[in-house]
Amino acid sequence: MEGKIKSFADLVAWQEAHRLVIIIYRITNVFPKAEIFGLTNQMRRAVISISSNIAEGFGRETNKDKCHFYIIARTSLVEIQNQLLAARDIGYLDQKNFDSAANKTIIVHKLINGLIKKIKY
């Protein structure tokens, strides 16, 4: 993207996190209905937390505050990685969908780390 970043939506980290939200919502849409208040809800809450905290961090004034929210986003991302493993191992998620989501989490993780490093150094 060219030009100055004017909105959190201009951040590549947010864009990729948003794509991950869509992936997780689609994946969990086919989980058993018995999981609606279990793993489905937990995964959806964690994944939306990633992009939400990137957005909130972007809106903060100080680098310390920005970094705090980016770290929370990264923590939620690791939570999603754990939940994807559980969903796969329980049998709710086939290997193809697992790989797609897991690969996206790696991309988002690297991008969030980049936001944190840019602030810290």
N, C-alpha and C. Protein backbone atom coordinates (compact mmCIF):
# COMPACT_ATOMS: atom_id res chain seq x y z
N MET A 1 0.83 -1.18 0.00
CA MET A 1 0.00 0.00 0.00
C MET A 1 0.88 1.25 0.00
N GLU A 2 0.51 2.19 -0.79
CA GLU A 2 1.28 3.43 -0.86
C GLU A 2 0.63 4.49 0.00
N GLY A 3 1.44 5.43 0.45
CA GLY A 3 0.92 6.56 1.20
C GLY A 3 0.91 6.32 2.69
N LYS A 4 0.45 7.33 3.37
CA LYS A 4 0.41 7.30 4.83
C LYS A 4 -0.76 6.45 5.34
N ILE A 5 -0.49 5.76 6.42
CA ILE A 5 -1.54 4.97 7.05
C ILE A 5 -2.43 5.92 7.85
N LYS A 6 -3.70 5.97 7.48
CA LYS A 6 -4.62 6.91 8.10
C LYS A 6 -5.60 6.23 9.06
N SER A 7 -5.77 4.94 8.89
CA SER A 7 -6.76 4.20 9.67
C SER A 7 -6.19 2.84 10.02
N PHE A 8 -6.71 2.25 11.08
CA PHE A 8 -6.28 0.89 11.44
C PHE A 8 -6.53 -0.08 10.29
N ALA A 9 -7.54 0.18 9.48
CA ALA A 9 -7.86 -0.70 8.35
C ALA A 9 -6.79 -0.65 7.26
N ASP A 10 -5.91 0.36 7.31
CA ASP A 10 -4.79 0.44 6.37
C ASP A 10 -3.63 -0.46 6.78
N LEU A 11 -3.62 -0.91 8.02
CA LEU A 11 -2.54 -1.77 8.51
C LEU A 11 -2.68 -3.17 7.91
N VAL A 12 -1.62 -3.67 7.34
CA VAL A 12 -1.64 -5.02 6.77
C VAL A 12 -1.93 -6.05 7.88
N ALA A 13 -1.41 -5.80 9.07
CA ALA A 13 -1.68 -6.70 10.20
C ALA A 13 -3.18 -6.79 10.48
N TRP A 14 -3.87 -5.67 10.46
CA TRP A 14 -5.31 -5.68 10.68
C TRP A 14 -6.02 -6.38 9.53
N GLN A 15 -5.60 -6.10 8.30
CA GLN A 15 -6.24 -6.72 7.13
C GLN A 15 -6.15 -8.24 7.18
N GLU A 16 -4.96 -8.73 7.52
CA GLU A 16 -4.78 -10.19 7.60
C GLU A 16 -5.52 -10.77 8.80
N ALA A 17 -5.56 -10.05 9.90
CA ALA A 17 -6.32 -10.50 11.07
C ALA A 17 -7.82 -10.56 10.73
N HIS A 18 -8.27 -9.59 9.95
CA HIS A 18 -9.68 -9.59 9.52
C HIS A 18 -9.97 -10.80 8.63
N ARG A 19 -9.05 -11.13 7.77
CA ARG A 19 -9.22 -12.33 6.93
C ARG A 19 -9.29 -13.59 7.82
N LEU A 20 -8.49 -13.60 8.88
CA LEU A 20 -8.52 -14.72 9.82
C LEU A 20 -9.88 -14.80 10.51
N VAL A 21 -10.48 -13.66 10.85
CA VAL A 21 -11.82 -13.65 11.44
C VAL A 21 -12.79 -14.38 10.52
N ILE A 22 -12.75 -14.05 9.25
CA ILE A 22 -13.67 -14.66 8.28
C ILE A 22 -13.42 -16.17 8.20
N ILE A 23 -12.17 -16.58 8.16
CA ILE A 23 -11.83 -18.01 8.11
C ILE A 23 -12.39 -18.72 9.34
N ILE A 24 -12.17 -18.17 10.52
CA ILE A 24 -12.61 -18.84 11.75
C ILE A 24 -14.13 -18.89 11.83
N TYR A 25 -14.80 -17.82 11.45
CA TYR A 25 -16.27 -17.85 11.46
C TYR A 25 -16.80 -18.90 10.49
N ARG A 26 -16.21 -19.02 9.34
CA ARG A 26 -16.66 -20.05 8.37
C ARG A 26 -16.38 -21.46 8.89
N ILE A 27 -15.21 -21.64 9.48
CA ILE A 27 -14.84 -22.95 10.02
C ILE A 27 -15.80 -23.34 11.15
N THR A 28 -16.02 -22.43 12.08
CA THR A 28 -16.85 -22.77 13.24
C THR A 28 -18.33 -22.88 12.90
N ASN A 29 -18.72 -22.35 11.76
CA ASN A 29 -20.11 -22.44 11.33
C ASN A 29 -20.56 -23.89 11.12
N VAL A 30 -19.61 -24.77 10.87
CA VAL A 30 -19.96 -26.18 10.65
C VAL A 30 -19.63 -27.07 11.86
N PHE A 31 -19.19 -26.47 12.95
CA PHE A 31 -18.97 -27.24 14.18
C PHE A 31 -20.33 -27.75 14.68
N PRO A 32 -20.33 -28.80 15.45
CA PRO A 32 -21.60 -29.31 16.01
C PRO A 32 -22.32 -28.23 16.81
N LYS A 33 -23.64 -28.23 16.75
CA LYS A 33 -24.43 -27.23 17.47
C LYS A 33 -24.18 -27.32 18.98
N ALA A 34 -23.79 -28.48 19.46
CA ALA A 34 -23.49 -28.64 20.89
C ALA A 34 -22.29 -27.78 21.31
N GLU A 35 -21.50 -27.35 20.35
CA GLU A 35 -20.32 -26.53 20.63
C GLU A 35 -20.58 -25.03 20.55
N ILE A 36 -21.81 -24.64 20.29
CA ILE A 36 -22.10 -23.21 20.10
C ILE A 36 -21.67 -22.37 21.29
N PHE A 37 -21.80 -22.90 22.50
CA PHE A 37 -21.39 -22.16 23.69
C PHE A 37 -20.05 -22.63 24.22
N GLY A 38 -19.41 -23.49 23.46
CA GLY A 38 -18.10 -24.01 23.85
C GLY A 38 -17.02 -23.49 22.92
N LEU A 39 -16.44 -24.41 22.17
CA LEU A 39 -15.31 -24.07 21.31
C LEU A 39 -15.67 -23.03 20.24
N THR A 40 -16.86 -23.13 19.68
CA THR A 40 -17.27 -22.15 18.67
C THR A 40 -17.23 -20.73 19.23
N ASN A 41 -17.89 -20.53 20.36
CA ASN A 41 -17.93 -19.21 20.99
C ASN A 41 -16.53 -18.75 21.39
N GLN A 42 -15.76 -19.66 21.96
CA GLN A 42 -14.42 -19.30 22.42
C GLN A 42 -13.54 -18.86 21.25
N MET A 43 -13.60 -19.59 20.15
CA MET A 43 -12.77 -19.26 18.99
C MET A 43 -13.21 -17.94 18.37
N ARG A 44 -14.49 -17.72 18.29
CA ARG A 44 -14.98 -16.48 17.70
C ARG A 44 -14.61 -15.28 18.55
N ARG A 45 -14.71 -15.41 19.85
CA ARG A 45 -14.34 -14.31 20.73
C ARG A 45 -12.84 -14.02 20.64
N ALA A 46 -12.04 -15.07 20.60
CA ALA A 46 -10.58 -14.89 20.53
C ALA A 46 -10.17 -14.25 19.20
N VAL A 47 -10.76 -14.72 18.11
CA VAL A 47 -10.32 -14.22 16.80
C VAL A 47 -10.72 -12.76 16.58
N ILE A 48 -11.90 -12.38 17.04
CA ILE A 48 -12.30 -10.98 16.87
C ILE A 48 -11.47 -10.08 17.77
N SER A 49 -10.98 -10.63 18.86
CA SER A 49 -10.11 -9.88 19.77
C SER A 49 -8.81 -9.48 19.08
N ILE A 50 -8.34 -10.29 18.16
CA ILE A 50 -7.07 -9.99 17.48
C ILE A 50 -7.20 -8.68 16.69
N SER A 51 -8.15 -8.64 15.77
CA SER A 51 -8.29 -7.44 14.94
C SER A 51 -8.76 -6.25 15.77
N SER A 52 -9.60 -6.50 16.77
CA SER A 52 -10.08 -5.41 17.62
C SER A 52 -8.94 -4.76 18.40
N ASN A 53 -8.03 -5.57 18.91
CA ASN A 53 -6.92 -5.01 19.68
C ASN A 53 -5.88 -4.33 18.79
N ILE A 54 -5.74 -4.80 17.57
CA ILE A 54 -4.88 -4.09 16.62
C ILE A 54 -5.48 -2.70 16.35
N ALA A 55 -6.78 -2.66 16.13
CA ALA A 55 -7.47 -1.39 15.90
C ALA A 55 -7.34 -0.47 17.11
N GLU A 56 -7.57 -1.02 18.29
CA GLU A 56 -7.49 -0.19 19.49
C GLU A 56 -6.06 0.31 19.71
N GLY A 57 -5.09 -0.54 19.49
CA GLY A 57 -3.70 -0.11 19.63
C GLY A 57 -3.36 1.01 18.67
N PHE A 58 -3.85 0.90 17.45
CA PHE A 58 -3.61 1.95 16.46
C PHE A 58 -4.14 3.29 16.95
N GLY A 59 -5.27 3.27 17.65
CA GLY A 59 -5.91 4.49 18.10
C GLY A 59 -5.31 5.09 19.36
N ARG A 60 -4.41 4.38 19.98
CA ARG A 60 -3.81 4.89 21.22
C ARG A 60 -2.73 5.92 20.93
N GLU A 61 -2.51 6.80 21.90
CA GLU A 61 -1.58 7.91 21.72
C GLU A 61 -0.12 7.53 21.95
N THR A 62 0.14 6.80 23.02
CA THR A 62 1.54 6.53 23.37
C THR A 62 1.98 5.18 22.81
N ASN A 63 3.28 5.08 22.58
CA ASN A 63 3.83 3.81 22.11
C ASN A 63 3.62 2.69 23.12
N LYS A 64 3.69 3.04 24.40
CA LYS A 64 3.47 2.04 25.45
C LYS A 64 2.05 1.47 25.36
N ASP A 65 1.07 2.34 25.19
CA ASP A 65 -0.32 1.89 25.05
C ASP A 65 -0.52 1.09 23.77
N LYS A 66 0.06 1.56 22.67
CA LYS A 66 -0.04 0.83 21.41
C LYS A 66 0.50 -0.58 21.57
N CYS A 67 1.69 -0.67 22.14
CA CYS A 67 2.36 -1.95 22.32
C CYS A 67 1.52 -2.88 23.19
N HIS A 68 0.92 -2.34 24.24
CA HIS A 68 0.09 -3.14 25.14
C HIS A 68 -1.03 -3.83 24.36
N PHE A 69 -1.72 -3.12 23.50
CA PHE A 69 -2.83 -3.70 22.76
C PHE A 69 -2.35 -4.65 21.66
N TYR A 70 -1.22 -4.36 21.06
CA TYR A 70 -0.67 -5.29 20.07
C TYR A 70 -0.26 -6.60 20.73
N ILE A 71 0.24 -6.53 21.95
CA ILE A 71 0.60 -7.75 22.68
C ILE A 71 -0.65 -8.54 23.05
N ILE A 72 -1.72 -7.86 23.43
CA ILE A 72 -2.98 -8.56 23.70
C ILE A 72 -3.48 -9.25 22.42
N ALA A 73 -3.36 -8.58 21.28
CA ALA A 73 -3.76 -9.18 20.00
C ALA A 73 -2.95 -10.45 19.74
N ARG A 74 -1.66 -10.37 20.00
CA ARG A 74 -0.79 -11.54 19.78
C ARG A 74 -1.16 -12.68 20.73
N THR A 75 -1.52 -12.35 21.95
CA THR A 75 -1.93 -13.36 22.91
C THR A 75 -3.21 -14.05 22.45
N SER A 76 -4.16 -13.30 21.95
CA SER A 76 -5.39 -13.89 21.42
C SER A 76 -5.10 -14.77 20.21
N LEU A 77 -4.12 -14.37 19.43
CA LEU A 77 -3.72 -15.16 18.28
C LEU A 77 -3.18 -16.53 18.70
N VAL A 78 -2.36 -16.55 19.73
CA VAL A 78 -1.82 -17.81 20.24
C VAL A 78 -2.96 -18.67 20.79
N GLU A 79 -3.95 -18.04 21.39
CA GLU A 79 -5.13 -18.76 21.86
C GLU A 79 -5.83 -19.45 20.69
N ILE A 80 -5.98 -18.74 19.58
CA ILE A 80 -6.59 -19.32 18.38
C ILE A 80 -5.76 -20.51 17.87
N GLN A 81 -4.45 -20.38 17.88
CA GLN A 81 -3.60 -21.48 17.42
C GLN A 81 -3.85 -22.72 18.27
N ASN A 82 -3.97 -22.55 19.57
CA ASN A 82 -4.27 -23.66 20.46
C ASN A 82 -5.64 -24.27 20.16
N GLN A 83 -6.63 -23.42 19.96
CA GLN A 83 -7.99 -23.89 19.71
C GLN A 83 -8.11 -24.59 18.37
N LEU A 84 -7.35 -24.14 17.38
CA LEU A 84 -7.34 -24.84 16.09
C LEU A 84 -6.80 -26.27 16.25
N LEU A 85 -5.75 -26.41 17.03
CA LEU A 85 -5.21 -27.75 17.30
C LEU A 85 -6.25 -28.63 17.97
N ALA A 86 -6.95 -28.07 18.96
CA ALA A 86 -7.99 -28.83 19.65
C ALA A 86 -9.10 -29.23 18.69
N ALA A 87 -9.56 -28.28 17.88
CA ALA A 87 -10.64 -28.57 16.92
C ALA A 87 -10.23 -29.65 15.93
N ARG A 88 -9.00 -29.59 15.47
CA ARG A 88 -8.51 -30.62 14.55
C ARG A 88 -8.45 -31.98 15.24
N ASP A 89 -7.88 -32.01 16.43
CA ASP A 89 -7.67 -33.27 17.12
C ASP A 89 -8.98 -33.90 17.60
N ILE A 90 -9.99 -33.08 17.88
CA ILE A 90 -11.31 -33.59 18.27
C ILE A 90 -12.05 -34.14 17.04
N GLY A 91 -11.68 -33.64 15.87
CA GLY A 91 -12.31 -34.11 14.64
C GLY A 91 -13.30 -33.13 14.06
N TYR A 92 -13.33 -31.90 14.57
CA TYR A 92 -14.23 -30.88 14.04
C TYR A 92 -13.67 -30.20 12.81
N LEU A 93 -12.39 -30.37 12.58
CA LEU A 93 -11.70 -29.63 11.53
C LEU A 93 -10.84 -30.58 10.72
N ASP A 94 -11.03 -30.60 9.41
CA ASP A 94 -10.19 -31.46 8.57
C ASP A 94 -8.82 -30.79 8.37
N GLN A 95 -7.88 -31.57 7.86
CA GLN A 95 -6.50 -31.09 7.73
C GLN A 95 -6.39 -29.89 6.79
N LYS A 96 -7.17 -29.89 5.72
CA LYS A 96 -7.10 -28.78 4.75
C LYS A 96 -7.51 -27.46 5.39
N ASN A 97 -8.64 -27.46 6.10
CA ASN A 97 -9.10 -26.23 6.77
C ASN A 97 -8.17 -25.85 7.92
N PHE A 98 -7.65 -26.85 8.62
CA PHE A 98 -6.69 -26.57 9.68
C PHE A 98 -5.47 -25.87 9.11
N ASP A 99 -4.91 -26.43 8.03
CA ASP A 99 -3.71 -25.86 7.42
C ASP A 99 -3.94 -24.43 6.95
N SER A 100 -5.08 -24.18 6.34
CA SER A 100 -5.40 -22.84 5.85
C SER A 100 -5.44 -21.84 7.00
N ALA A 101 -6.14 -22.19 8.07
CA ALA A 101 -6.25 -21.29 9.22
C ALA A 101 -4.91 -21.16 9.94
N ALA A 102 -4.23 -22.28 10.14
CA ALA A 102 -2.94 -22.25 10.85
C ALA A 102 -1.92 -21.40 10.10
N ASN A 103 -1.88 -21.53 8.78
CA ASN A 103 -0.96 -20.71 7.99
C ASN A 103 -1.28 -19.22 8.10
N LYS A 104 -2.56 -18.89 8.14
CA LYS A 104 -2.96 -17.49 8.29
C LYS A 104 -2.53 -16.97 9.67
N THR A 105 -2.61 -17.81 10.71
CA THR A 105 -2.20 -17.36 12.04
C THR A 105 -0.70 -17.05 12.07
N ILE A 106 0.08 -17.80 11.31
CA ILE A 106 1.52 -17.55 11.26
C ILE A 106 1.80 -16.19 10.62
N ILE A 107 1.10 -15.90 9.55
CA ILE A 107 1.24 -14.60 8.87
C ILE A 107 0.87 -13.46 9.81
N VAL A 108 -0.27 -13.60 10.48
CA VAL A 108 -0.74 -12.54 11.38
C VAL A 108 0.23 -12.37 12.54
N HIS A 109 0.74 -13.48 13.06
CA HIS A 109 1.71 -13.43 14.17
C HIS A 109 2.94 -12.61 13.77
N LYS A 110 3.46 -12.87 12.60
CA LYS A 110 4.64 -12.13 12.12
C LYS A 110 4.33 -10.64 11.96
N LEU A 111 3.16 -10.33 11.44
CA LEU A 111 2.79 -8.93 11.24
C LEU A 111 2.60 -8.20 12.56
N ILE A 112 2.00 -8.86 13.53
CA ILE A 112 1.85 -8.23 14.85
C ILE A 112 3.22 -8.03 15.49
N ASN A 113 4.09 -9.03 15.37
CA ASN A 113 5.45 -8.86 15.89
C ASN A 113 6.13 -7.67 15.25
N GLY A 114 5.88 -7.46 13.97
CA GLY A 114 6.44 -6.31 13.27
C GLY A 114 5.94 -4.99 13.85
N LEU A 115 4.64 -4.93 14.17
CA LEU A 115 4.10 -3.71 14.80
C LEU A 115 4.76 -3.45 16.14
N ILE A 116 4.95 -4.51 16.92
CA ILE A 116 5.55 -4.38 18.24
C ILE A 116 7.01 -3.94 18.13
N LYS A 117 7.75 -4.57 17.22
CA LYS A 117 9.16 -4.22 17.05
C LYS A 117 9.33 -2.79 16.57
N LYS A 118 8.46 -2.35 15.69
CA LYS A 118 8.54 -0.98 15.17
C LYS A 118 8.38 0.04 16.30
N ILE A 119 7.54 -0.28 17.25
CA ILE A 119 7.30 0.62 18.39
C ILE A 119 8.45 0.57 19.38
N LYS A 120 8.93 -0.63 19.66
CA LYS A 120 9.94 -0.81 20.71
C LYS A 120 11.32 -0.31 20.30
N TYR A 121 11.62 -0.31 19.00
CA TYR A 121 13.00 0.01 18.58
C TYR A 121 13.07 1.21 17.69
